Amino acid sequence: MPELTPDQERELVDALKGLGWHLRLDGISVGTVLAICPDINSDEMAEEILNDLVQRGLVSQEIEHGTQLDTSKPMPLARSRWI
């Protein structure tokens, strides 16, 4: 796995946390890594970086599940964000 500079790591953590709530963070998170770290050239490498940040406790994912089911309203969807 490629090493990030401390500046890249800080910028990436800030960018991930700044994404806010999304229904799916997978693609948008990988895209954020690829945009900030030009040496990363594959989705797999970007996912490794994300996993490393999580394992080291720099970011974690928060998931908010949908609300109570109500047949008169659309199906509630879970959403997630980086914190």
C-alpha atoms as a PDB file:
ATOM      1  CA  MET A   1       0.000   0.000   0.000  1.00  0.00           C
ATOM      2  CA  PRO A   2       1.374   3.439  -0.887  1.00  0.00           C
ATOM      3  CA  GLU A   3       2.242   5.748   1.986  1.00  0.00           C
ATOM      4  CA  LEU A   4       0.407   9.048   2.308  1.00  0.00           C
ATOM      5  CA  THR A   5       2.194  12.178   3.390  1.00  0.00           C
ATOM      6  CA  PRO A   6       0.888  13.663   6.652  1.00  0.00           C
ATOM      7  CA  ASP A   7      -0.620  16.541   4.635  1.00  0.00           C
ATOM      8  CA  GLN A   8      -2.409  14.144   2.266  1.00  0.00           C
ATOM      9  CA  GLU A   9      -3.683  12.106   5.185  1.00  0.00           C
ATOM     10  CA  ARG A  10      -5.019  15.205   6.972  1.00  0.00           C
ATOM     11  CA  GLU A  11      -6.619  16.527   3.770  1.00  0.00           C
ATOM     12  CA  LEU A  12      -8.210  13.150   3.063  1.00  0.00           C
ATOM     13  CA  VAL A  13      -9.642  12.781   6.584  1.00  0.00           C
ATOM     14  CA  ASP A  14     -11.060  16.327   6.435  1.00  0.00           C
ATOM     15  CA  ALA A  15     -12.537  15.701   2.975  1.00  0.00           C
ATOM     16  CA  LEU A  16     -14.156  12.412   4.011  1.00  0.00           C
ATOM     17  CA  LYS A  17     -15.723  14.004   7.078  1.00  0.00           C
ATOM     18  CA  GLY A  18     -16.888  16.919   4.925  1.00  0.00           C
ATOM     19  CA  LEU A  19     -18.854  14.652   2.578  1.00  0.00           C
ATOM     20  CA  GLY A  20     -21.794  14.552   4.984  1.00  0.00           C
ATOM     21  CA  TRP A  21     -24.634  12.040   4.786  1.00  0.00           C
ATOM     22  CA  HIS A  22     -25.017   9.825   1.716  1.00  0.00           C
ATOM     23  CA  LEU A  23     -27.011   6.747   0.831  1.00  0.00           C
ATOM     24  CA  ARG A  24     -23.839   5.055  -0.410  1.00  0.00           C
ATOM     25  CA  LEU A  25     -20.363   6.200   0.517  1.00  0.00           C
ATOM     26  CA  ASP A  26     -18.422   3.517  -1.369  1.00  0.00           C
ATOM     27  CA  GLY A  27     -17.887   5.190  -4.734  1.00  0.00           C
ATOM     28  CA  ILE A  28     -17.747   8.737  -3.443  1.00  0.00           C
ATOM     29  CA  SER A  29     -15.148   7.801  -0.797  1.00  0.00           C
ATOM     30  CA  VAL A  30     -12.933   6.006  -3.312  1.00  0.00           C
ATOM     31  CA  GLY A  31     -13.251   8.988  -5.653  1.00  0.00           C
ATOM     32  CA  THR A  32     -12.175  11.309  -2.836  1.00  0.00           C
ATOM     33  CA  VAL A  33      -9.025   9.239  -2.232  1.00  0.00           C
ATOM     34  CA  LEU A  34      -8.228   9.201  -5.949  1.00  0.00           C
ATOM     35  CA  ALA A  35      -8.698  12.979  -6.221  1.00  0.00           C
ATOM     36  CA  ILE A  36      -6.473  13.834  -3.268  1.00  0.00           C
ATOM     37  CA  CYS A  37      -3.752  11.210  -3.753  1.00  0.00           C
ATOM     38  CA  PRO A  38      -2.437  11.250  -7.335  1.00  0.00           C
ATOM     39  CA  ASP A  39      -0.140   8.259  -6.665  1.00  0.00           C
ATOM     40  CA  ILE A  40      -3.171   6.030  -6.034  1.00  0.00           C
ATOM     41  CA  ASN A  41      -4.267   4.629  -9.379  1.00  0.00           C
ATOM     42  CA  SER A  42      -6.877   1.976  -8.612  1.00  0.00           C
ATOM     43  CA  ASP A  43     -10.081   1.565  -6.639  1.00  0.00           C
ATOM     44  CA  GLU A  44      -8.516  -1.345  -4.748  1.00  0.00           C
ATOM     45  CA  MET A  45      -5.612   0.803  -3.558  1.00  0.00           C
ATOM     46  CA  ALA A  46      -8.050   3.550  -2.519  1.00  0.00           C
ATOM     47  CA  GLU A  47     -10.101   1.018  -0.528  1.00  0.00           C
ATOM     48  CA  GLU A  48      -6.911  -0.167   1.203  1.00  0.00           C
ATOM     49  CA  ILE A  49      -6.171   3.421   2.218  1.00  0.00           C
ATOM     50  CA  LEU A  50      -9.715   3.849   3.569  1.00  0.00           C
ATOM     51  CA  ASN A  51      -9.415   0.601   5.542  1.00  0.00           C
ATOM     52  CA  ASP A  52      -6.058   1.727   6.934  1.00  0.00           C
ATOM     53  CA  LEU A  53      -7.528   5.041   8.108  1.00  0.00           C
ATOM     54  CA  VAL A  54     -10.351   3.166   9.834  1.00  0.00           C
ATOM     55  CA  GLN A  55      -8.004   0.625  11.468  1.00  0.00           C
ATOM     56  CA  ARG A  56      -5.834   3.428  12.833  1.00  0.00           C
ATOM     57  CA  GLY A  57      -8.902   5.206  14.227  1.00  0.00           C
ATOM     58  CA  LEU A  58      -8.562   8.345  12.106  1.00  0.00           C
ATOM     59  CA  VAL A  59     -12.075   7.973  10.656  1.00  0.00           C
ATOM     60  CA  SER A  60     -15.049   5.713  11.211  1.00  0.00           C
ATOM     61  CA  GLN A  61     -18.337   5.260   9.459  1.00  0.00           C
ATOM     62  CA  GLU A  62     -21.597   6.191  11.131  1.00  0.00           C
ATOM     63  CA  ILE A  63     -24.743   4.561   9.809  1.00  0.00           C
ATOM     64  CA  GLU A  64     -28.206   5.941  10.456  1.00  0.00           C
ATOM     65  CA  HIS A  65     -30.901   3.415   9.707  1.00  0.00           C
ATOM     66  CA  GLY A  66     -34.196   4.375   8.133  1.00  0.00           C
ATOM     67  CA  THR A  67     -37.081   5.430  10.321  1.00  0.00           C
ATOM     68  CA  GLN A  68     -40.209   3.443  11.192  1.00  0.00           C
ATOM     69  CA  LEU A  69     -41.961   1.896   8.252  1.00  0.00           C
ATOM     70  CA  ASP A  70     -45.087   3.779   7.273  1.00  0.00           C
ATOM     71  CA  THR A  71     -47.059   2.461   4.305  1.00  0.00           C
ATOM     72  CA  SER A  72     -48.221   5.972   3.444  1.00  0.00           C
ATOM     73  CA  LYS A  73     -44.607   7.163   2.918  1.00  0.00           C
ATOM     74  CA  PRO A  74     -41.690   6.058   0.735  1.00  0.00           C
ATOM     75  CA  MET A  75     -39.455   3.299   2.125  1.00  0.00           C
ATOM     76  CA  PRO A  76     -36.914   4.841   4.525  1.00  0.00           C
ATOM     77  CA  LEU A  77     -33.309   4.275   3.509  1.00  0.00           C
ATOM     78  CA  ALA A  78     -30.219   4.007   5.662  1.00  0.00           C
ATOM     79  CA  ARG A  79     -27.546   6.596   5.137  1.00  0.00           C
ATOM     80  CA  SER A  80     -23.959   6.862   6.267  1.00  0.00           C
ATOM     81  CA  ARG A  81     -21.143   9.345   6.729  1.00  0.00           C
ATOM     82  CA  TRP A  82     -17.511   9.478   7.788  1.00  0.00           C
ATOM     83  CA  ILE A  83     -16.831  10.836  11.282  1.00  0.00           C
END
